[in-house]
Amino acid sequence: MKRKKYSIYVFTLVMLLSVTSCKDGFIELNTNPNAVDHALPQTLLAPAITDVVSGNMNRSQRITNELMQVTVNMGDSDGKIFRYDLLKSEADYLYNLWYLQLTNFNDIYASGQNLNNPAFMGVARICQVWIYSLLTDTYGDVPYFNAGKAREGVMTPEFDQQQLIYADLFAKLEEANTLLKTASSIPAASDPVFGGDQVKWRKFGNSLYLRLLMRVSAKSELNTIAKIKEIVDTNPAGYPVMGSNDDSAILRWTGSAPYVSPFSTWRPADWYIPKLASFFVDNLNEWSDPRIQKWGTLYQGEYAGIPSGYASGQAPDGKSSFPTTLQVEPLLGNIMNYAELQFILAEAGAKGWISSNSAQRYYETGVNSAITLWGYTLPAGYLTNKKAKWDDTYSTDKKMELILLQKYYALFFTDLQSWFEYRRTGHPILPKGAGLRNGGVMPARLNYPLYVQTINGDNYNAVVAAQGPDTFTTNVWWQKP
């Protein structure tokens, strides 16, 4: 009951003070007065990760799948995201969730320092980077350097430039890589992702590093291409990365509390409402991709989707939808998998940035890994299919389409990642329905929560003046020329 009251308290504080935090109640709750005077990291880690993954899944279902033509939540009312019609209220949920849980990861890091435990410090740094990257890639400039400092009197933190945020995220990942290099393991029960294996945490941290380096690779200011080459070609021993599906960062839902999928309590009737989009289904059908068996229901004996972005008043008949088995699917708790890493490396190889392996090898390993992760074997002829076959004579843009299309499926239910990647690259190429808003241009960000304008008005006005109007059409730093 105390934990529930504390969570409500902190959530309210985040809402009212715009990403400030207070740790007093949390410290009191998790402290044995006869032993220690700080929150214990092993009590904080699992609940914080679980809450973030649950929330990410929720918005992947609601936002990412609709924008990226995985599903179509049919209807003609306002706020139909598949038409690029984003209500301002969509902004609040993730903003509040991510900042709330950052207070816990801050506590984990501080407790690791107090206990002289570099493993918890390194894991906390990786989780901070993971969440802050989601924040800045979703909203653009956000409170960062002075966020969560209410106890120090910072009640209205300024919004920091995305470029500066990314530079510090990279510094944190460097720190995590060093901390975990010689750290011992952490208690297995406290870690729902890797069961306390600090080696796998280190591999995840460096794989996340490559994700974020690729995210901002079009911007020369941070020298990201050289860093990618260092990690992959020059000093791979110093930056170990995921080596197989077994290294994937996935919170696998067991069905036993507290590791219960957030979708498990949905009524089947509600789960069936969004219908699968044609784009999502048609590629899988053309490849004879076995994953469709777990991702779609049959409609009149076949897997069939409907066009996304259709005009108001022209709704097609709904066809395939997600099967109810996905409501409890362990793999939907994906944070970052090995296949995604291989597609990052394939892109770097295709652009001539790395040379340890060929782009084709990375690409084909990614395709195979993405399918085997779901328990299937790569079908014979899959990689010779004209829509999946690699050809070194293809233009760079066509290679990007091959890579990003397969990556799109590897990112199934992975927070907002496929939306971020589309904004970064324009791939995969999505069909444009007649009913799309904003001239058919994909939304570039979410707006800031409305309460921020009231609670932190001066800093809100400053960030709008610097970044651009607080609308979903304003590009964030890494999207700008």
Protein backbone atom coordinates (compact mmCIF):
# COMPACT_ATOMS: atom_id res chain seq x y z
CA MET A 1 0.00 0.00 0.00
CA LYS A 2 2.87 2.38 0.80
CA ARG A 3 4.42 1.70 -2.63
CA LYS A 4 1.09 2.42 -4.33
CA LYS A 5 0.68 5.67 -2.44
CA TYR A 6 4.22 6.66 -3.28
CA SER A 7 3.74 5.97 -6.98
CA ILE A 8 0.62 8.12 -7.05
CA TYR A 9 2.52 10.83 -5.20
CA VAL A 10 5.45 10.85 -7.59
CA PHE A 11 3.19 10.74 -10.64
CA THR A 12 1.32 13.79 -9.35
CA LEU A 13 4.60 15.54 -8.67
CA VAL A 14 5.81 14.91 -12.20
CA MET A 15 2.55 16.28 -13.56
CA LEU A 16 2.69 19.41 -11.44
CA LEU A 17 6.37 20.24 -11.48
CA SER A 18 7.27 19.21 -15.01
CA VAL A 19 9.85 16.50 -14.62
CA THR A 20 11.13 17.36 -11.16
CA SER A 21 11.32 14.58 -8.62
CA CYS A 22 11.45 13.80 -4.91
CA LYS A 23 13.00 10.67 -3.49
CA ASP A 24 12.12 10.98 0.23
CA GLY A 25 9.17 8.58 0.22
CA PHE A 26 10.99 6.05 -1.95
CA ILE A 27 14.03 6.08 0.31
CA GLU A 28 11.86 5.65 3.39
CA LEU A 29 9.97 2.78 1.83
CA ASN A 30 13.05 0.81 0.79
CA THR A 31 15.26 1.47 3.81
CA ASN A 32 15.83 -0.74 6.83
CA PRO A 33 16.45 1.84 9.59
CA ASN A 34 18.76 -0.62 11.34
CA ALA A 35 20.98 -1.22 8.29
CA VAL A 36 21.26 1.37 5.52
CA ASP A 37 20.27 4.95 4.77
CA HIS A 38 19.60 4.70 1.04
CA ALA A 39 17.27 2.92 -1.34
CA LEU A 40 18.49 -0.51 -2.34
CA PRO A 41 19.02 -0.82 -6.09
CA GLN A 42 17.90 -4.44 -6.19
CA THR A 43 14.43 -3.37 -5.02
CA LEU A 44 14.08 -0.65 -7.67
CA LEU A 45 15.45 -2.13 -10.89
CA ALA A 46 12.84 -4.73 -11.83
CA PRO A 47 9.76 -2.56 -11.13
CA ALA A 48 11.25 0.38 -13.06
CA ILE A 49 12.16 -1.69 -16.12
CA THR A 50 8.81 -3.47 -16.05
CA ASP A 51 6.85 -0.22 -15.90
CA VAL A 52 8.80 1.29 -18.80
CA VAL A 53 8.45 -1.78 -21.02
CA SER A 54 4.73 -2.03 -20.23
CA GLY A 55 4.17 1.61 -21.12
CA ASN A 56 6.25 1.33 -24.27
CA MET A 57 4.20 -1.64 -25.41
CA ASN A 58 1.00 0.25 -24.75
CA ARG A 59 2.04 3.16 -26.97
CA SER A 60 3.59 0.91 -29.59
CA GLN A 61 0.13 -0.62 -29.97
CA ARG A 62 -1.60 2.74 -29.92
CA ILE A 63 0.78 5.05 -31.81
CA THR A 64 3.59 3.23 -33.62
CA ASN A 65 1.45 0.52 -35.15
CA GLU A 66 -1.01 3.08 -36.47
CA LEU A 67 1.54 5.52 -37.90
CA MET A 68 3.64 2.75 -39.41
CA GLN A 69 0.78 0.83 -41.05
CA VAL A 70 0.91 -2.26 -38.89
CA THR A 71 -2.71 -1.78 -37.86
CA VAL A 72 -5.68 0.41 -38.69
CA ASN A 73 -7.96 1.42 -35.82
CA MET A 74 -10.89 2.00 -38.09
CA GLY A 75 -13.31 4.89 -37.81
CA ASP A 76 -13.94 8.50 -38.80
CA SER A 77 -13.76 10.25 -35.44
CA ASP A 78 -11.06 12.78 -34.51
CA GLY A 79 -7.76 11.42 -33.31
CA LYS A 80 -7.41 8.56 -35.77
CA ILE A 81 -3.66 8.16 -35.74
CA PHE A 82 -3.53 6.09 -38.93
CA ARG A 83 -4.56 9.33 -40.70
CA TYR A 84 -1.76 11.29 -38.99
CA ASP A 85 -4.39 12.92 -36.81
CA LEU A 86 -2.64 13.24 -33.45
CA LEU A 87 -4.50 14.85 -30.57
CA LYS A 88 -2.43 16.97 -28.20
CA SER A 89 -3.41 14.70 -25.31
CA GLU A 90 -1.33 11.88 -26.82
CA ALA A 91 1.76 13.64 -25.50
CA ASP A 92 1.17 13.21 -21.78
CA TYR A 93 1.38 9.48 -21.16
CA LEU A 94 4.92 8.72 -22.27
CA TYR A 95 6.36 12.03 -21.04
CA ASN A 96 5.06 11.37 -17.53
CA LEU A 97 5.95 7.68 -17.51
CA TRP A 98 9.53 8.13 -18.68
CA TYR A 99 10.37 10.99 -16.34
CA LEU A 100 8.77 9.19 -13.42
CA GLN A 101 10.88 6.09 -13.95
CA LEU A 102 14.03 8.14 -14.50
CA THR A 103 13.81 9.08 -10.82
CA ASN A 104 14.12 5.38 -9.99
CA PHE A 105 17.11 4.86 -12.29
CA ASN A 106 18.73 7.95 -10.77
CA ASP A 107 18.24 6.34 -7.35
CA ILE A 108 19.71 3.06 -8.60
CA TYR A 109 22.83 4.85 -9.80
CA ALA A 110 23.20 6.82 -6.57
CA SER A 111 22.68 3.67 -4.49
CA GLY A 112 25.26 1.85 -6.58
CA GLN A 113 27.72 4.64 -5.75
CA ASN A 114 26.89 4.44 -2.03
CA LEU A 115 27.34 0.67 -2.05
CA ASN A 116 30.45 0.81 -4.26
CA ASN A 117 28.64 -1.45 -6.74
CA PRO A 118 29.74 -0.59 -10.31
CA ALA A 119 27.38 -3.19 -11.82
CA PHE A 120 24.26 -1.35 -10.65
CA MET A 121 25.82 1.95 -11.66
CA GLY A 122 26.49 0.67 -15.18
CA VAL A 123 23.03 -0.84 -15.57
CA ALA A 124 21.46 2.39 -14.32
CA ARG A 125 23.43 4.42 -16.84
CA ILE A 126 22.28 2.21 -19.70
CA CYS A 127 18.66 2.48 -18.60
CA GLN A 128 18.93 6.25 -18.24
CA VAL A 129 20.27 6.48 -21.80
CA TRP A 130 17.55 4.18 -23.08
CA ILE A 131 14.78 6.32 -21.59
CA TYR A 132 16.28 9.72 -22.32
CA SER A 133 16.84 8.70 -25.94
CA LEU A 134 13.16 7.82 -26.17
CA LEU A 135 12.24 11.18 -24.68
CA THR A 136 14.38 13.30 -26.95
CA ASP A 137 13.57 11.29 -30.09
CA THR A 138 9.86 11.68 -29.33
CA TYR A 139 9.73 15.34 -28.27
CA GLY A 140 13.03 16.91 -29.38
CA ASP A 141 14.63 19.28 -26.86
CA VAL A 142 13.65 18.19 -23.34
CA PRO A 143 14.70 18.88 -19.75
CA TYR A 144 17.85 16.84 -19.21
CA PHE A 145 20.79 18.27 -17.27
CA ASN A 146 18.59 19.80 -14.55
CA ALA A 147 15.68 17.36 -14.72
CA GLY A 148 14.81 15.55 -11.51
CA LYS A 149 16.46 18.10 -9.24
CA ALA A 150 13.51 19.30 -7.17
CA ARG A 151 15.35 18.46 -3.96
CA GLU A 152 18.05 20.87 -5.08
CA GLY A 153 15.50 23.59 -5.69
CA VAL A 154 15.22 23.23 -9.48
CA MET A 155 11.45 23.24 -9.89
CA THR A 156 11.25 24.47 -13.49
CA PRO A 157 14.14 22.96 -15.47
CA GLU A 158 15.14 24.38 -18.81
CA PHE A 159 14.86 22.38 -22.02
CA ASP A 160 18.25 21.24 -23.31
CA GLN A 161 19.23 21.03 -26.96
CA GLN A 162 19.02 17.56 -28.46
CA GLN A 163 22.58 17.76 -29.75
CA LEU A 164 23.90 18.34 -26.22
CA ILE A 165 21.68 15.60 -24.85
CA TYR A 166 23.02 13.10 -27.36
CA ALA A 167 26.61 14.03 -26.56
CA ASP A 168 25.97 13.31 -22.90
CA LEU A 169 24.12 10.07 -23.67
CA PHE A 170 27.23 8.89 -25.47
CA ALA A 171 29.35 9.86 -22.46
CA LYS A 172 27.06 7.85 -20.18
CA LEU A 173 27.37 4.80 -22.41
CA GLU A 174 31.14 5.13 -22.34
CA GLU A 175 30.95 5.21 -18.56
CA ALA A 176 28.67 2.16 -18.47
CA ASN A 177 31.02 0.21 -20.74
CA THR A 178 33.90 0.95 -18.35
CA LEU A 179 31.91 0.22 -15.21
CA LEU A 180 30.67 -3.15 -16.44
CA LYS A 181 34.05 -4.24 -17.80
CA THR A 182 35.19 -5.55 -14.43
CA ALA A 183 31.97 -5.48 -12.43
CA SER A 184 30.53 -8.54 -10.75
CA SER A 185 27.02 -9.73 -11.49
CA ILE A 186 23.94 -8.31 -9.81
CA PRO A 187 21.28 -10.40 -8.02
CA ALA A 188 19.44 -12.41 -10.67
CA ALA A 189 16.04 -11.81 -9.08
CA SER A 190 16.47 -8.06 -9.42
CA ASP A 191 17.02 -8.22 -13.20
CA PRO A 192 14.10 -9.33 -15.41
CA VAL A 193 16.07 -8.80 -18.63
CA PHE A 194 19.40 -10.59 -18.23
CA GLY A 195 19.08 -12.38 -14.88
CA GLY A 196 21.96 -10.39 -13.40
CA ASP A 197 24.47 -11.07 -16.19
CA GLN A 198 26.59 -7.92 -16.37
CA VAL A 199 28.35 -9.15 -19.52
CA LYS A 200 25.04 -9.14 -21.39
CA TRP A 201 24.22 -5.72 -19.99
CA ARG A 202 27.52 -4.47 -21.34
CA LYS A 203 26.75 -5.93 -24.77
CA PHE A 204 23.32 -4.32 -24.70
CA GLY A 205 24.79 -0.95 -23.72
CA ASN A 206 27.20 -0.97 -26.65
CA SER A 207 24.52 -2.19 -29.06
CA LEU A 208 22.29 0.66 -27.85
CA TYR A 209 25.27 2.94 -28.48
CA LEU A 210 25.28 1.84 -32.13
CA ARG A 211 21.54 2.41 -32.40
CA LEU A 212 21.91 5.97 -31.20
CA LEU A 213 25.04 6.69 -33.21
CA MET A 214 23.16 5.61 -36.31
CA ARG A 215 20.19 7.73 -35.28
CA VAL A 216 22.23 10.92 -35.48
CA SER A 217 24.71 9.79 -38.15
CA ALA A 218 23.50 12.44 -40.62
CA LYS A 219 24.79 15.14 -38.24
CA SER A 220 28.54 15.68 -38.40
CA GLU A 221 28.81 17.53 -35.10
CA LEU A 222 29.25 14.42 -32.95
CA ASN A 223 31.68 12.51 -35.22
CA THR A 224 29.40 9.50 -35.04
CA ILE A 225 30.63 7.65 -38.14
CA ALA A 226 34.15 7.45 -36.75
CA LYS A 227 32.77 6.09 -33.47
CA ILE A 228 30.76 3.42 -35.28
CA LYS A 229 33.95 2.32 -37.03
CA GLU A 230 35.84 2.25 -33.75
CA ILE A 231 33.26 0.05 -32.05
CA VAL A 232 32.90 -2.37 -34.97
CA ASP A 233 36.26 -2.41 -36.75
CA THR A 234 39.03 -0.82 -34.71
CA ASN A 235 38.29 -1.83 -31.12
CA PRO A 236 35.59 -4.51 -30.99
CA ALA A 237 37.18 -6.11 -27.92
CA GLY A 238 36.75 -2.84 -26.06
CA TYR A 239 33.10 -2.56 -27.07
CA PRO A 240 31.50 -6.03 -27.04
CA VAL A 241 28.06 -6.09 -28.65
CA MET A 242 25.27 -8.65 -28.93
CA GLY A 243 26.51 -11.84 -30.57
CA SER A 244 23.31 -13.82 -31.00
CA ASN A 245 19.59 -13.86 -30.20
CA ASP A 246 20.52 -15.02 -26.71
CA ASP A 247 21.98 -11.58 -26.04
CA SER A 248 18.78 -9.73 -27.00
CA ALA A 249 17.40 -7.32 -24.42
CA ILE A 250 13.88 -8.61 -23.89
CA LEU A 251 11.70 -8.57 -20.79
CA ARG A 252 10.02 -11.92 -21.42
CA TRP A 253 6.58 -11.99 -19.84
CA THR A 254 6.21 -15.18 -17.80
CA GLY A 255 2.56 -14.78 -16.89
CA SER A 256 3.44 -14.81 -13.19
CA ALA A 257 3.24 -11.57 -11.22
CA PRO A 258 4.83 -9.12 -11.60
CA TYR A 259 5.90 -10.19 -15.10
CA VAL A 260 2.47 -10.18 -16.69
CA SER A 261 1.96 -8.63 -20.11
CA PRO A 262 0.01 -5.35 -19.96
CA PHE A 263 -2.24 -6.71 -22.72
CA SER A 264 -3.24 -9.83 -20.80
CA THR A 265 -6.26 -8.16 -19.19
CA TRP A 266 -7.67 -6.75 -22.42
CA ARG A 267 -10.97 -8.15 -23.56
CA PRO A 268 -10.58 -10.12 -26.80
CA ALA A 269 -13.24 -7.92 -28.39
CA ASP A 270 -11.09 -4.84 -27.74
CA TRP A 271 -7.90 -6.56 -28.88
CA TYR A 272 -9.49 -7.42 -32.22
CA ILE A 273 -10.61 -3.85 -33.00
CA PRO A 274 -7.48 -2.66 -34.85
CA LYS A 275 -7.23 -4.54 -38.13
CA LEU A 276 -3.95 -5.43 -39.78
CA ALA A 277 -2.84 -3.05 -42.52
CA SER A 278 -2.22 -4.24 -46.07
CA PHE A 279 1.37 -3.02 -46.04
CA PHE A 280 2.21 -5.11 -42.99
CA VAL A 281 0.49 -8.27 -44.22
CA ASP A 282 1.33 -8.16 -47.93
CA ASN A 283 5.11 -8.20 -47.46
CA LEU A 284 4.90 -11.16 -45.10
CA ASN A 285 2.70 -13.01 -47.55
CA GLU A 286 5.00 -12.29 -50.47
CA TRP A 287 8.01 -13.58 -48.56
CA SER A 288 6.07 -16.60 -47.22
CA ASP A 289 7.30 -15.33 -43.87
CA PRO A 290 6.25 -17.75 -41.11
CA ARG A 291 5.91 -14.98 -38.50
CA ILE A 292 2.52 -14.08 -39.93
CA GLN A 293 1.21 -17.19 -38.20
CA LYS A 294 1.90 -15.59 -34.81
CA TRP A 295 1.11 -12.03 -35.82
CA GLY A 296 -2.19 -12.36 -37.69
CA THR A 297 -5.53 -14.13 -37.72
CA LEU A 298 -6.96 -15.78 -40.79
CA TYR A 299 -9.71 -14.02 -42.70
CA GLN A 300 -11.68 -16.28 -45.01
CA GLY A 301 -8.79 -18.73 -45.02
CA GLU A 302 -5.97 -16.26 -45.68
CA TYR A 303 -3.99 -13.47 -44.06
CA ALA A 304 -5.35 -10.20 -45.40
CA GLY A 305 -4.98 -6.55 -44.50
CA ILE A 306 -6.78 -3.32 -45.29
CA PRO A 307 -5.36 -0.06 -46.69
CA SER A 308 -4.22 2.50 -44.14
CA GLY A 309 -4.98 6.19 -44.54
CA TYR A 310 -8.28 5.65 -46.30
CA ALA A 311 -10.54 8.69 -46.65
CA SER A 312 -13.35 9.37 -44.22
CA GLY A 313 -16.54 7.59 -45.16
CA GLN A 314 -14.74 5.00 -47.27
CA ALA A 315 -13.98 2.36 -44.69
CA PRO A 316 -13.12 -1.06 -46.12
CA ASP A 317 -14.30 -4.29 -44.55
CA GLY A 318 -12.04 -5.32 -41.69
CA LYS A 319 -9.99 -8.44 -42.26
CA SER A 320 -7.12 -9.99 -40.28
CA SER A 321 -6.23 -8.72 -36.80
CA PHE A 322 -3.78 -9.63 -34.06
CA PRO A 323 -4.48 -13.06 -32.52
CA THR A 324 -5.26 -13.14 -28.80
CA THR A 325 -2.13 -15.23 -28.21
CA LEU A 326 -0.11 -12.03 -28.67
CA GLN A 327 -1.73 -10.63 -25.53
CA VAL A 328 0.54 -12.85 -23.46
CA GLU A 329 3.44 -13.23 -25.92
CA PRO A 330 6.77 -13.04 -24.05
CA LEU A 331 8.63 -11.50 -27.00
CA LEU A 332 6.49 -8.35 -27.04
CA GLY A 333 8.65 -7.15 -24.15
CA ASN A 334 11.42 -6.38 -26.62
CA ILE A 335 13.81 -3.54 -25.79
CA MET A 336 16.48 -4.24 -28.42
CA ASN A 337 17.17 -7.50 -30.21
CA TYR A 338 20.13 -8.96 -32.06
CA ALA A 339 18.43 -8.66 -35.45
CA GLU A 340 18.10 -4.88 -35.03
CA LEU A 341 21.81 -4.66 -34.35
CA GLN A 342 22.58 -6.63 -37.52
CA PHE A 343 20.48 -4.24 -39.60
CA ILE A 344 22.30 -1.28 -38.05
CA LEU A 345 25.59 -2.89 -39.08
CA ALA A 346 24.21 -3.69 -42.55
CA GLU A 347 23.41 -0.01 -43.05
CA ALA A 348 26.84 1.03 -41.85
CA GLY A 349 28.42 -1.51 -44.20
CA ALA A 350 26.32 -0.47 -47.18
CA LYS A 351 27.42 3.13 -46.64
CA GLY A 352 31.07 2.13 -46.48
CA TRP A 353 31.58 3.06 -42.82
CA ILE A 354 32.71 -0.37 -41.59
CA SER A 355 34.45 -3.33 -43.19
CA SER A 356 34.66 -6.17 -40.66
CA ASN A 357 31.96 -8.03 -42.56
CA SER A 358 30.05 -7.34 -45.75
CA ALA A 359 26.76 -5.48 -45.67
CA GLN A 360 25.15 -8.53 -47.25
CA ARG A 361 26.32 -10.78 -44.45
CA TYR A 362 24.99 -8.43 -41.78
CA TYR A 363 21.70 -8.10 -43.66
CA GLU A 364 21.19 -11.84 -44.14
CA THR A 365 22.16 -12.56 -40.54
CA GLY A 366 19.60 -10.00 -39.45
CA VAL A 367 16.84 -11.57 -41.54
CA ASN A 368 17.63 -15.04 -40.24
CA SER A 369 17.87 -13.89 -36.63
CA ALA A 370 14.61 -11.96 -36.78
CA ILE A 371 12.75 -15.07 -37.91
CA THR A 372 14.48 -17.58 -35.64
CA LEU A 373 13.84 -15.33 -32.62
CA TRP A 374 10.16 -16.13 -33.11
CA GLY A 375 10.80 -19.87 -33.17
CA TYR A 376 10.81 -20.43 -36.92
CA THR A 377 13.40 -21.55 -39.46
CA LEU A 378 14.28 -19.30 -42.36
CA PRO A 379 12.23 -20.68 -45.29
CA ALA A 380 14.12 -22.04 -48.28
CA GLY A 381 14.36 -19.41 -50.97
CA TYR A 382 13.54 -16.52 -48.64
CA LEU A 383 16.75 -14.63 -49.37
CA THR A 384 16.46 -15.18 -53.12
CA ASN A 385 12.96 -13.73 -53.27
CA LYS A 386 13.15 -10.60 -55.42
CA LYS A 387 11.77 -8.45 -52.57
CA ALA A 388 14.32 -9.75 -50.06
CA LYS A 389 17.37 -10.59 -52.15
CA TRP A 390 20.56 -8.60 -51.61
CA ASP A 391 22.43 -7.35 -54.66
CA ASP A 392 25.65 -5.35 -54.34
CA THR A 393 24.82 -3.55 -57.58
CA TYR A 394 21.74 -1.94 -56.03
CA SER A 395 21.85 1.77 -55.31
CA THR A 396 22.42 2.82 -51.71
CA ASP A 397 18.79 3.90 -51.51
CA LYS A 398 17.53 0.51 -52.66
CA LYS A 399 19.80 -1.21 -50.16
CA MET A 400 18.34 1.05 -47.46
CA GLU A 401 14.86 -0.06 -48.47
CA LEU A 402 15.84 -3.72 -48.18
CA ILE A 403 17.45 -3.19 -44.78
CA LEU A 404 14.83 -0.89 -43.30
CA LEU A 405 11.92 -3.02 -44.50
CA GLN A 406 13.29 -6.07 -42.72
CA LYS A 407 14.21 -3.92 -39.73
CA TYR A 408 10.61 -2.72 -39.58
CA TYR A 409 9.51 -6.28 -38.81
CA ALA A 410 12.38 -6.91 -36.39
CA LEU A 411 11.12 -3.85 -34.45
CA PHE A 412 7.63 -5.33 -34.03
CA PHE A 413 6.17 -3.80 -30.83
CA THR A 414 9.48 -2.13 -29.91
CA ASP A 415 8.27 1.16 -28.41
CA LEU A 416 8.44 3.91 -31.09
CA GLN A 417 11.56 2.70 -32.90
CA SER A 418 10.14 2.03 -36.36
CA TRP A 419 8.57 5.51 -36.35
CA PHE A 420 11.94 7.02 -35.39
CA GLU A 421 13.65 5.09 -38.17
CA TYR A 422 11.10 6.19 -40.75
CA ARG A 423 11.58 9.80 -39.72
CA ARG A 424 15.35 9.35 -40.01
CA THR A 425 15.46 7.53 -43.36
CA GLY A 426 12.09 7.65 -45.13
CA HIS A 427 12.16 3.85 -45.20
CA PRO A 428 10.38 1.57 -45.57
CA ILE A 429 8.39 3.29 -48.28
CA LEU A 430 4.79 3.42 -47.07
CA PRO A 431 1.79 3.83 -49.37
CA LYS A 432 -0.05 7.13 -48.87
CA GLY A 433 -3.81 6.96 -48.51
CA ALA A 434 -6.13 9.72 -49.67
CA GLY A 435 -7.32 10.38 -46.12
CA LEU A 436 -3.97 11.32 -44.61
CA ARG A 437 -3.71 14.68 -42.87
CA ASN A 438 -0.75 17.10 -43.05
CA GLY A 439 -0.38 16.59 -46.79
CA GLY A 440 0.63 12.99 -46.22
CA VAL A 441 3.79 13.98 -44.31
CA MET A 442 4.59 11.69 -41.37
CA PRO A 443 4.39 13.42 -37.97
CA ALA A 444 7.87 14.40 -36.83
CA ARG A 445 7.38 14.46 -33.06
CA LEU A 446 4.83 14.62 -30.27
CA ASN A 447 3.99 17.98 -28.70
CA TYR A 448 4.89 18.72 -25.11
CA PRO A 449 2.15 18.01 -22.53
CA LEU A 450 -0.23 20.93 -22.18
CA TYR A 451 0.45 21.36 -18.45
CA VAL A 452 4.10 22.18 -19.19
CA GLN A 453 3.00 25.49 -20.68
CA THR A 454 1.43 26.45 -17.35
CA ILE A 455 3.91 24.99 -14.89
CA ASN A 456 7.12 25.78 -16.77
CA GLY A 457 5.97 28.57 -19.05
CA ASP A 458 9.16 30.61 -19.42
CA ASN A 459 11.27 27.59 -20.36
CA TYR A 460 8.50 26.28 -22.59
CA ASN A 461 8.42 29.57 -24.49
CA ALA A 462 12.21 29.48 -24.81
CA VAL A 463 12.28 25.97 -26.29
CA VAL A 464 9.52 26.80 -28.76
CA ALA A 465 11.47 29.86 -29.87
CA ALA A 466 14.61 27.76 -30.35
CA GLN A 467 13.25 24.49 -31.74
CA GLY A 468 10.14 25.64 -33.56
CA PRO A 469 6.37 25.53 -33.03
CA ASP A 470 5.14 22.94 -30.55
CA THR A 471 3.38 20.87 -33.18
CA PHE A 472 3.92 17.43 -34.67
CA THR A 473 5.19 19.03 -37.89
CA THR A 474 8.34 20.54 -36.35
CA ASN A 475 11.45 18.47 -37.01
CA VAL A 476 13.81 17.60 -34.17
CA TRP A 477 17.56 18.35 -34.50
CA TRP A 478 18.61 15.09 -36.13
CA GLN A 479 15.85 15.42 -38.74
CA LYS A 480 16.85 18.92 -39.80
CA PRO A 481 19.19 19.47 -42.79
